[in-house]
Amino acid sequence: MFFTRQKPVKKIMGWRIAPPRITIGAILAALKYIALPLFGGLALLDLLLYLFFQHVLERCYGVLCLLS
């Protein structure tokens, strides 16, 4: 992802230890616990605003209303 100069490999008790890196599991966990709830909350907010504008204010709401 980001191309930087690699750090020198460290040896701990004679063993070469790989540097830390972002894994597929970390990306999936971030999507599961951050992105999915965020998008779900935004979708619910959009639905509530749509229903409020349609039934309470009886006005158009959304991009498709502006285009029609």
Protein backbone atom coordinates (compact mmCIF):
# COMPACT_ATOMS: atom_id res chain seq x y z
CA MET A 1 0.00 0.00 0.00
CA PHE A 2 2.43 2.63 1.15
CA PHE A 3 5.88 2.21 -0.24
CA THR A 4 8.42 3.18 2.37
CA ARG A 5 11.93 2.15 3.10
CA GLN A 6 11.92 -1.15 4.93
CA LYS A 7 13.22 -1.24 8.45
CA PRO A 8 16.15 -3.50 9.16
CA VAL A 9 15.21 -6.99 10.25
CA LYS A 10 15.63 -7.46 13.99
CA LYS A 11 16.98 -10.57 15.61
CA ILE A 12 15.59 -11.67 18.93
CA MET A 13 17.44 -14.52 20.61
CA GLY A 14 18.92 -15.44 17.24
CA TRP A 15 15.57 -15.56 15.42
CA ARG A 16 14.73 -13.14 12.60
CA ILE A 17 11.36 -11.55 13.35
CA ALA A 18 9.15 -10.30 10.53
CA PRO A 19 8.04 -6.66 10.76
CA PRO A 20 4.39 -5.98 11.61
CA ARG A 21 2.03 -5.54 8.68
CA ILE A 22 -1.67 -5.14 7.95
CA THR A 23 -3.30 -8.51 7.30
CA ILE A 24 -6.52 -9.56 5.60
CA GLY A 25 -7.98 -10.36 9.02
CA ALA A 26 -7.33 -6.82 10.23
CA ILE A 27 -8.99 -5.37 7.14
CA LEU A 28 -12.03 -7.63 7.56
CA ALA A 29 -12.29 -6.75 11.26
CA ALA A 30 -12.18 -3.04 10.44
CA LEU A 31 -14.92 -3.51 7.85
CA LYS A 32 -17.01 -5.60 10.24
CA TYR A 33 -16.74 -3.37 13.29
CA ILE A 34 -16.36 0.11 11.76
CA ALA A 35 -17.57 0.35 8.17
CA LEU A 36 -20.62 -1.93 8.35
CA PRO A 37 -22.22 -0.28 11.42
CA LEU A 38 -21.45 3.17 10.01
CA PHE A 39 -23.08 2.43 6.65
CA GLY A 40 -25.99 0.68 8.36
CA GLY A 41 -26.60 3.69 10.59
CA LEU A 42 -26.43 6.07 7.65
CA ALA A 43 -28.86 3.92 5.65
CA LEU A 44 -31.30 3.89 8.59
CA LEU A 45 -31.00 7.67 8.95
CA ASP A 46 -31.65 8.10 5.23
CA LEU A 47 -34.75 5.88 5.45
CA LEU A 48 -36.09 7.83 8.44
CA LEU A 49 -35.54 11.15 6.68
CA TYR A 50 -37.23 9.83 3.53
CA LEU A 51 -40.29 8.69 5.49
CA PHE A 52 -40.41 11.97 7.43
CA PHE A 53 -40.29 14.08 4.26
CA GLN A 54 -42.81 11.92 2.39
CA HIS A 55 -45.44 11.46 5.11
CA VAL A 56 -45.08 14.39 7.51
CA LEU A 57 -43.94 17.24 5.28
CA GLU A 58 -45.38 15.79 2.05
CA ARG A 59 -42.37 17.06 0.12
CA CYS A 60 -39.87 15.50 -2.23
CA TYR A 61 -36.67 14.05 -0.76
CA GLY A 62 -33.62 12.73 -2.54
CA VAL A 63 -31.65 13.14 -5.72
CA LEU A 64 -34.21 11.37 -7.92
CA CYS A 65 -36.85 13.94 -6.97
CA LEU A 66 -34.56 16.73 -8.07
CA LEU A 67 -33.97 15.07 -11.44
CA SER A 68 -37.64 14.39 -12.20
